[in-house]
Amino acid sequence: MNGRRAGRIVLLACVVLVAVLPVLGGAPRIVQITANSDNTFKLAGQKRAVITAKPGEVLRLQITARKGSESEKDGTVHSFTINALKDQGWDLRLKEGTQEFTVVAPTTPGEYVVECTVKCGEGHDDMKMKLVVAP
């Protein structure tokens, strides 16, 4: 196969993926989260800080971090961490402002505790929320 033909095949594959993924539900669901200066997590439009996801669902987290009374020397003001899933990308260090992260929900249903692991001020130890994975 020559280079030109291979390039066309790759281009065609990309076009098909872009057209098909949203139809199949492959586009990430956007979840808006605030890591507040009062050392709490809040979700847009929700009273409780709980993310509900399907097993293996792709999520785009839009996290706005607001500095509390303490922060790290590198400018990190909070983190968004699930200790059991750190090796799967669920260990996010947050700087002040809004950042986006794409993560995949675990394939095993259950409840997972999200916590801040950066000493961010009074109340830091209680800065937690949940990820609930249910079919």
N, C-alpha and C. Protein backbone atom coordinates (compact mmCIF):
# COMPACT_ATOMS: atom_id res chain seq x y z
N MET A 1 0.85 -1.16 0.00
CA MET A 1 0.00 0.00 0.00
C MET A 1 0.91 1.23 0.00
N ASN A 2 0.64 2.15 -0.92
CA ASN A 2 1.48 3.35 -0.96
C ASN A 2 1.02 4.36 0.09
N GLY A 3 1.84 5.36 0.33
CA GLY A 3 1.57 6.37 1.37
C GLY A 3 0.30 7.15 1.12
N ARG A 4 0.04 7.45 -0.15
CA ARG A 4 -1.15 8.25 -0.49
C ARG A 4 -2.44 7.48 -0.15
N ARG A 5 -2.45 6.20 -0.49
CA ARG A 5 -3.63 5.38 -0.22
C ARG A 5 -3.81 5.20 1.29
N ALA A 6 -2.74 4.99 2.00
CA ALA A 6 -2.81 4.84 3.46
C ALA A 6 -3.36 6.12 4.08
N GLY A 7 -2.93 7.26 3.58
CA GLY A 7 -3.42 8.55 4.09
C GLY A 7 -4.91 8.70 3.89
N ARG A 8 -5.40 8.27 2.72
CA ARG A 8 -6.84 8.35 2.44
C ARG A 8 -7.64 7.44 3.38
N ILE A 9 -7.10 6.26 3.65
CA ILE A 9 -7.78 5.33 4.54
C ILE A 9 -7.87 5.91 5.95
N VAL A 10 -6.78 6.49 6.42
CA VAL A 10 -6.78 7.11 7.75
C VAL A 10 -7.77 8.27 7.80
N LEU A 11 -7.79 9.10 6.76
CA LEU A 11 -8.72 10.22 6.70
C LEU A 11 -10.16 9.73 6.71
N LEU A 12 -10.46 8.71 5.94
CA LEU A 12 -11.80 8.14 5.91
C LEU A 12 -12.19 7.58 7.27
N ALA A 13 -11.28 6.90 7.93
CA ALA A 13 -11.56 6.35 9.26
C ALA A 13 -11.88 7.47 10.25
N CYS A 14 -11.15 8.57 10.18
CA CYS A 14 -11.40 9.70 11.08
C CYS A 14 -12.77 10.32 10.83
N VAL A 15 -13.14 10.47 9.56
CA VAL A 15 -14.44 11.03 9.21
C VAL A 15 -15.55 10.13 9.74
N VAL A 16 -15.40 8.83 9.59
CA VAL A 16 -16.41 7.88 10.07
C VAL A 16 -16.53 7.97 11.59
N LEU A 17 -15.41 8.02 12.29
CA LEU A 17 -15.45 8.12 13.75
C LEU A 17 -16.15 9.39 14.21
N VAL A 18 -15.84 10.51 13.59
CA VAL A 18 -16.45 11.78 13.98
C VAL A 18 -17.95 11.75 13.72
N ALA A 19 -18.38 11.09 12.67
CA ALA A 19 -19.80 11.02 12.33
C ALA A 19 -20.55 10.02 13.20
N VAL A 20 -19.91 8.92 13.58
CA VAL A 20 -20.59 7.82 14.25
C VAL A 20 -20.56 7.93 15.77
N LEU A 21 -19.49 8.41 16.36
CA LEU A 21 -19.37 8.43 17.82
C LEU A 21 -20.52 9.14 18.52
N PRO A 22 -20.92 10.34 18.09
CA PRO A 22 -22.04 10.98 18.79
C PRO A 22 -23.33 10.17 18.71
N VAL A 23 -23.55 9.49 17.61
CA VAL A 23 -24.75 8.69 17.43
C VAL A 23 -24.72 7.48 18.36
N LEU A 24 -23.56 6.90 18.56
CA LEU A 24 -23.43 5.73 19.42
C LEU A 24 -23.31 6.10 20.90
N GLY A 25 -23.32 7.37 21.21
CA GLY A 25 -23.18 7.79 22.59
C GLY A 25 -21.73 7.88 23.01
N GLY A 26 -20.82 7.94 22.06
CA GLY A 26 -19.41 7.97 22.37
C GLY A 26 -18.88 9.34 22.75
N ALA A 27 -19.65 10.39 22.51
CA ALA A 27 -19.20 11.73 22.89
C ALA A 27 -19.27 11.84 24.41
N PRO A 28 -18.26 12.41 25.04
CA PRO A 28 -18.27 12.49 26.49
C PRO A 28 -19.41 13.36 27.02
N ARG A 29 -19.96 12.96 28.15
CA ARG A 29 -20.97 13.76 28.84
C ARG A 29 -20.23 14.79 29.68
N ILE A 30 -20.68 16.02 29.62
CA ILE A 30 -20.02 17.11 30.35
C ILE A 30 -20.62 17.21 31.75
N VAL A 31 -19.73 17.25 32.75
CA VAL A 31 -20.12 17.41 34.14
C VAL A 31 -19.41 18.65 34.68
N GLN A 32 -20.18 19.62 35.15
CA GLN A 32 -19.61 20.87 35.66
C GLN A 32 -19.52 20.79 37.19
N ILE A 33 -18.30 21.00 37.67
CA ILE A 33 -18.01 20.86 39.10
C ILE A 33 -17.30 22.12 39.57
N THR A 34 -17.58 22.52 40.80
CA THR A 34 -16.84 23.62 41.42
C THR A 34 -16.16 23.07 42.67
N ALA A 35 -14.85 23.29 42.76
CA ALA A 35 -14.09 23.02 43.98
C ALA A 35 -13.95 24.38 44.64
N ASN A 36 -14.78 24.63 45.65
CA ASN A 36 -14.96 25.97 46.19
C ASN A 36 -13.90 26.38 47.20
N SER A 37 -13.85 27.67 47.44
CA SER A 37 -12.93 28.24 48.43
C SER A 37 -13.32 27.86 49.85
N ASP A 38 -14.58 27.40 50.04
CA ASP A 38 -15.02 26.94 51.36
C ASP A 38 -14.75 25.45 51.54
N ASN A 39 -13.94 24.88 50.66
CA ASN A 39 -13.50 23.48 50.72
C ASN A 39 -14.66 22.49 50.59
N THR A 40 -15.51 22.75 49.59
CA THR A 40 -16.60 21.84 49.25
C THR A 40 -16.60 21.65 47.74
N PHE A 41 -17.13 20.49 47.30
CA PHE A 41 -17.38 20.25 45.89
C PHE A 41 -18.86 20.53 45.64
N LYS A 42 -19.16 21.16 44.51
CA LYS A 42 -20.54 21.41 44.12
C LYS A 42 -20.70 21.02 42.65
N LEU A 43 -21.87 20.48 42.30
CA LEU A 43 -22.18 20.14 40.92
C LEU A 43 -23.26 21.07 40.42
N ALA A 44 -23.08 21.59 39.22
CA ALA A 44 -24.04 22.50 38.62
C ALA A 44 -25.42 21.83 38.54
N GLY A 45 -26.43 22.54 39.05
CA GLY A 45 -27.80 22.07 38.94
C GLY A 45 -28.18 20.96 39.90
N GLN A 46 -27.32 20.65 40.88
CA GLN A 46 -27.62 19.57 41.81
C GLN A 46 -27.46 20.04 43.25
N LYS A 47 -28.31 19.51 44.13
CA LYS A 47 -28.21 19.84 45.55
C LYS A 47 -27.09 19.05 46.22
N ARG A 48 -26.94 17.80 45.80
CA ARG A 48 -25.91 16.93 46.39
C ARG A 48 -24.76 16.76 45.41
N ALA A 49 -23.57 16.63 45.94
CA ALA A 49 -22.38 16.47 45.11
C ALA A 49 -22.17 14.99 44.80
N VAL A 50 -22.96 14.48 43.83
CA VAL A 50 -22.87 13.08 43.42
C VAL A 50 -22.91 13.03 41.89
N ILE A 51 -21.90 12.40 41.31
CA ILE A 51 -21.90 12.14 39.86
C ILE A 51 -22.41 10.72 39.67
N THR A 52 -23.41 10.55 38.83
CA THR A 52 -23.91 9.23 38.49
C THR A 52 -23.48 8.92 37.06
N ALA A 53 -22.87 7.75 36.87
CA ALA A 53 -22.37 7.37 35.54
C ALA A 53 -22.66 5.90 35.28
N LYS A 54 -22.67 5.55 34.01
CA LYS A 54 -22.80 4.15 33.60
C LYS A 54 -21.40 3.54 33.56
N PRO A 55 -21.30 2.23 33.73
CA PRO A 55 -19.97 1.59 33.65
C PRO A 55 -19.30 1.90 32.31
N GLY A 56 -18.07 2.37 32.37
CA GLY A 56 -17.30 2.67 31.16
C GLY A 56 -17.68 3.96 30.46
N GLU A 57 -18.59 4.75 31.05
CA GLU A 57 -19.01 6.00 30.41
C GLU A 57 -17.87 7.02 30.40
N VAL A 58 -17.74 7.71 29.28
CA VAL A 58 -16.72 8.75 29.15
C VAL A 58 -17.32 10.06 29.65
N LEU A 59 -16.60 10.71 30.56
CA LEU A 59 -17.05 11.97 31.15
C LEU A 59 -16.03 13.06 30.88
N ARG A 60 -16.51 14.24 30.55
CA ARG A 60 -15.64 15.41 30.46
C ARG A 60 -15.95 16.28 31.66
N LEU A 61 -14.99 16.33 32.58
CA LEU A 61 -15.16 17.11 33.80
C LEU A 61 -14.67 18.53 33.55
N GLN A 62 -15.56 19.50 33.73
CA GLN A 62 -15.19 20.91 33.68
C GLN A 62 -15.18 21.38 35.12
N ILE A 63 -13.96 21.51 35.66
CA ILE A 63 -13.82 21.82 37.08
C ILE A 63 -13.30 23.24 37.27
N THR A 64 -14.07 24.03 38.00
CA THR A 64 -13.63 25.38 38.37
C THR A 64 -13.14 25.32 39.81
N ALA A 65 -11.87 25.64 40.01
CA ALA A 65 -11.26 25.60 41.34
C ALA A 65 -11.09 27.02 41.87
N ARG A 66 -11.52 27.19 43.11
CA ARG A 66 -11.36 28.48 43.79
C ARG A 66 -10.50 28.26 45.02
N LYS A 67 -9.49 29.06 45.17
CA LYS A 67 -8.52 28.90 46.23
C LYS A 67 -9.14 29.11 47.60
N GLY A 68 -8.82 28.18 48.51
CA GLY A 68 -9.20 28.31 49.91
C GLY A 68 -8.12 29.08 50.64
N SER A 69 -7.99 28.83 51.91
CA SER A 69 -7.00 29.58 52.70
C SER A 69 -5.58 29.03 52.57
N GLU A 70 -5.43 27.83 51.98
CA GLU A 70 -4.11 27.24 51.79
C GLU A 70 -4.00 26.67 50.39
N SER A 71 -2.75 26.47 49.94
CA SER A 71 -2.51 25.85 48.64
C SER A 71 -1.08 25.31 48.60
N GLU A 72 -0.75 24.59 47.54
CA GLU A 72 0.60 24.04 47.36
C GLU A 72 1.50 25.10 46.73
N LYS A 73 2.80 24.91 46.86
CA LYS A 73 3.77 25.87 46.29
C LYS A 73 3.68 25.96 44.77
N ASP A 74 3.26 24.86 44.11
CA ASP A 74 3.17 24.87 42.65
C ASP A 74 1.88 25.52 42.13
N GLY A 75 1.06 26.05 43.03
CA GLY A 75 -0.18 26.72 42.62
C GLY A 75 -1.40 25.82 42.66
N THR A 76 -1.23 24.56 43.03
CA THR A 76 -2.37 23.65 43.14
C THR A 76 -3.20 24.06 44.35
N VAL A 77 -4.52 24.26 44.12
CA VAL A 77 -5.40 24.72 45.20
C VAL A 77 -6.30 23.60 45.73
N HIS A 78 -6.57 22.58 44.92
CA HIS A 78 -7.38 21.42 45.31
C HIS A 78 -6.94 20.24 44.44
N SER A 79 -7.47 19.06 44.76
CA SER A 79 -7.36 17.93 43.85
C SER A 79 -8.72 17.27 43.76
N PHE A 80 -8.88 16.43 42.77
CA PHE A 80 -10.11 15.68 42.54
C PHE A 80 -9.64 14.24 42.37
N THR A 81 -9.66 13.48 43.47
CA THR A 81 -8.99 12.18 43.50
C THR A 81 -9.90 11.07 43.99
N ILE A 82 -9.87 9.94 43.29
CA ILE A 82 -10.47 8.70 43.78
C ILE A 82 -9.28 7.76 43.98
N ASN A 83 -8.94 7.52 45.24
CA ASN A 83 -7.73 6.74 45.53
C ASN A 83 -7.72 5.38 44.85
N ALA A 84 -8.86 4.70 44.81
CA ALA A 84 -8.93 3.37 44.20
C ALA A 84 -8.76 3.41 42.68
N LEU A 85 -8.89 4.61 42.07
CA LEU A 85 -8.84 4.72 40.61
C LEU A 85 -7.72 5.64 40.13
N LYS A 86 -6.76 5.93 40.99
CA LYS A 86 -5.66 6.82 40.60
C LYS A 86 -4.97 6.36 39.33
N ASP A 87 -4.75 5.05 39.20
CA ASP A 87 -4.05 4.52 38.03
C ASP A 87 -4.90 4.57 36.76
N GLN A 88 -6.17 4.97 36.88
CA GLN A 88 -7.07 5.09 35.73
C GLN A 88 -7.36 6.56 35.40
N GLY A 89 -6.53 7.46 35.93
CA GLY A 89 -6.67 8.87 35.58
C GLY A 89 -7.51 9.70 36.53
N TRP A 90 -7.93 9.13 37.64
CA TRP A 90 -8.78 9.86 38.59
C TRP A 90 -7.94 10.48 39.71
N ASP A 91 -6.88 11.16 39.34
CA ASP A 91 -6.04 11.89 40.29
C ASP A 91 -5.69 13.22 39.63
N LEU A 92 -6.57 14.20 39.79
CA LEU A 92 -6.47 15.46 39.07
C LEU A 92 -6.06 16.58 40.03
N ARG A 93 -4.98 17.25 39.70
CA ARG A 93 -4.52 18.40 40.49
C ARG A 93 -5.11 19.66 39.87
N LEU A 94 -5.70 20.49 40.72
CA LEU A 94 -6.45 21.65 40.23
C LEU A 94 -5.75 22.95 40.59
N LYS A 95 -5.57 23.77 39.59
CA LYS A 95 -5.08 25.14 39.80
C LYS A 95 -6.29 26.07 39.76
N GLU A 96 -6.11 27.30 40.21
CA GLU A 96 -7.22 28.24 40.22
C GLU A 96 -7.73 28.48 38.80
N GLY A 97 -9.05 28.53 38.65
CA GLY A 97 -9.66 28.72 37.33
C GLY A 97 -10.35 27.45 36.89
N THR A 98 -10.74 27.42 35.61
CA THR A 98 -11.47 26.28 35.06
C THR A 98 -10.56 25.44 34.18
N GLN A 99 -10.62 24.13 34.41
CA GLN A 99 -9.85 23.17 33.63
C GLN A 99 -10.77 22.04 33.20
N GLU A 100 -10.43 21.37 32.10
CA GLU A 100 -11.22 20.24 31.62
C GLU A 100 -10.37 18.98 31.64
N PHE A 101 -11.01 17.88 32.03
CA PHE A 101 -10.36 16.58 32.09
C PHE A 101 -11.33 15.55 31.52
N THR A 102 -10.83 14.63 30.72
CA THR A 102 -11.65 13.53 30.23
C THR A 102 -11.26 12.28 30.98
N VAL A 103 -12.25 11.64 31.59
CA VAL A 103 -12.03 10.42 32.37
C VAL A 103 -13.06 9.38 31.95
N VAL A 104 -12.79 8.13 32.32
CA VAL A 104 -13.71 7.03 32.02
C VAL A 104 -14.17 6.43 33.34
N ALA A 105 -15.47 6.30 33.49
CA ALA A 105 -16.02 5.68 34.70
C ALA A 105 -15.56 4.24 34.76
N PRO A 106 -15.34 3.73 35.96
CA PRO A 106 -14.93 2.33 36.07
C PRO A 106 -16.00 1.39 35.52
N THR A 107 -15.59 0.22 35.11
CA THR A 107 -16.54 -0.76 34.57
C THR A 107 -17.26 -1.53 35.68
N THR A 108 -16.75 -1.44 36.89
CA THR A 108 -17.36 -2.11 38.03
C THR A 108 -18.33 -1.17 38.73
N PRO A 109 -19.63 -1.54 38.77
CA PRO A 109 -20.60 -0.70 39.47
C PRO A 109 -20.24 -0.56 40.94
N GLY A 110 -20.62 0.57 41.51
CA GLY A 110 -20.37 0.80 42.93
C GLY A 110 -20.30 2.28 43.24
N GLU A 111 -20.01 2.59 44.49
CA GLU A 111 -19.85 3.96 44.94
C GLU A 111 -18.38 4.22 45.21
N TYR A 112 -17.89 5.31 44.70
CA TYR A 112 -16.48 5.69 44.83
C TYR A 112 -16.42 7.07 45.49
N VAL A 113 -15.52 7.22 46.45
CA VAL A 113 -15.37 8.49 47.14
C VAL A 113 -14.35 9.36 46.41
N VAL A 114 -14.78 10.57 46.06
CA VAL A 114 -13.89 11.58 45.49
C VAL A 114 -13.47 12.48 46.64
N GLU A 115 -12.19 12.77 46.72
CA GLU A 115 -11.73 13.64 47.80
C GLU A 115 -10.63 14.56 47.33
N CYS A 116 -10.46 15.62 48.09
CA CYS A 116 -9.36 16.55 47.85
C CYS A 116 -8.18 16.05 48.67
N THR A 117 -7.04 15.87 48.02
CA THR A 117 -5.83 15.40 48.73
C THR A 117 -4.81 16.52 48.90
N VAL A 118 -5.19 17.74 48.56
CA VAL A 118 -4.32 18.90 48.73
C VAL A 118 -4.82 19.67 49.95
N LYS A 119 -3.94 19.92 50.89
CA LYS A 119 -4.32 20.68 52.09
C LYS A 119 -4.76 22.07 51.63
N CYS A 120 -6.08 22.32 51.69
CA CYS A 120 -6.63 23.54 51.11
C CYS A 120 -7.21 24.51 52.15
N GLY A 121 -7.16 24.12 53.41
CA GLY A 121 -7.65 25.01 54.46
C GLY A 121 -8.56 24.27 55.43
N GLU A 122 -9.17 25.03 56.33
CA GLU A 122 -10.07 24.45 57.32
C GLU A 122 -11.24 23.77 56.60
N GLY A 123 -11.54 22.57 57.04
CA GLY A 123 -12.60 21.80 56.39
C GLY A 123 -12.08 20.88 55.30
N HIS A 124 -10.79 20.90 55.03
CA HIS A 124 -10.19 20.08 53.97
C HIS A 124 -10.52 18.60 54.14
N ASP A 125 -10.45 18.10 55.37
CA ASP A 125 -10.68 16.68 55.60
C ASP A 125 -12.09 16.24 55.22
N ASP A 126 -13.03 17.17 55.13
CA ASP A 126 -14.40 16.85 54.77
C ASP A 126 -14.73 17.17 53.31
N MET A 127 -13.73 17.54 52.53
CA MET A 127 -13.96 17.90 51.12
C MET A 127 -14.05 16.62 50.30
N LYS A 128 -15.28 16.10 50.23
CA LYS A 128 -15.53 14.82 49.55
C LYS A 128 -16.83 14.90 48.77
N MET A 129 -16.96 14.00 47.81
CA MET A 129 -18.19 13.80 47.07
C MET A 129 -18.18 12.36 46.58
N LYS A 130 -19.21 11.96 45.81
CA LYS A 130 -19.30 10.57 45.36
C LYS A 130 -19.40 10.49 43.85
N LEU A 131 -18.86 9.37 43.35
CA LEU A 131 -19.12 8.92 41.98
C LEU A 131 -19.88 7.61 42.14
N VAL A 132 -21.10 7.56 41.63
CA VAL A 132 -21.90 6.34 41.69
C VAL A 132 -21.96 5.76 40.28
N VAL A 133 -21.47 4.53 40.14
CA VAL A 133 -21.50 3.84 38.85
C VAL A 133 -22.59 2.78 38.92
N ALA A 134 -23.59 2.92 38.07
CA ALA A 134 -24.73 2.00 38.07
C ALA A 134 -25.14 1.69 36.64
N PRO A 135 -25.47 0.44 36.37
CA PRO A 135 -25.91 0.08 35.00
C PRO A 135 -27.20 0.73 34.60
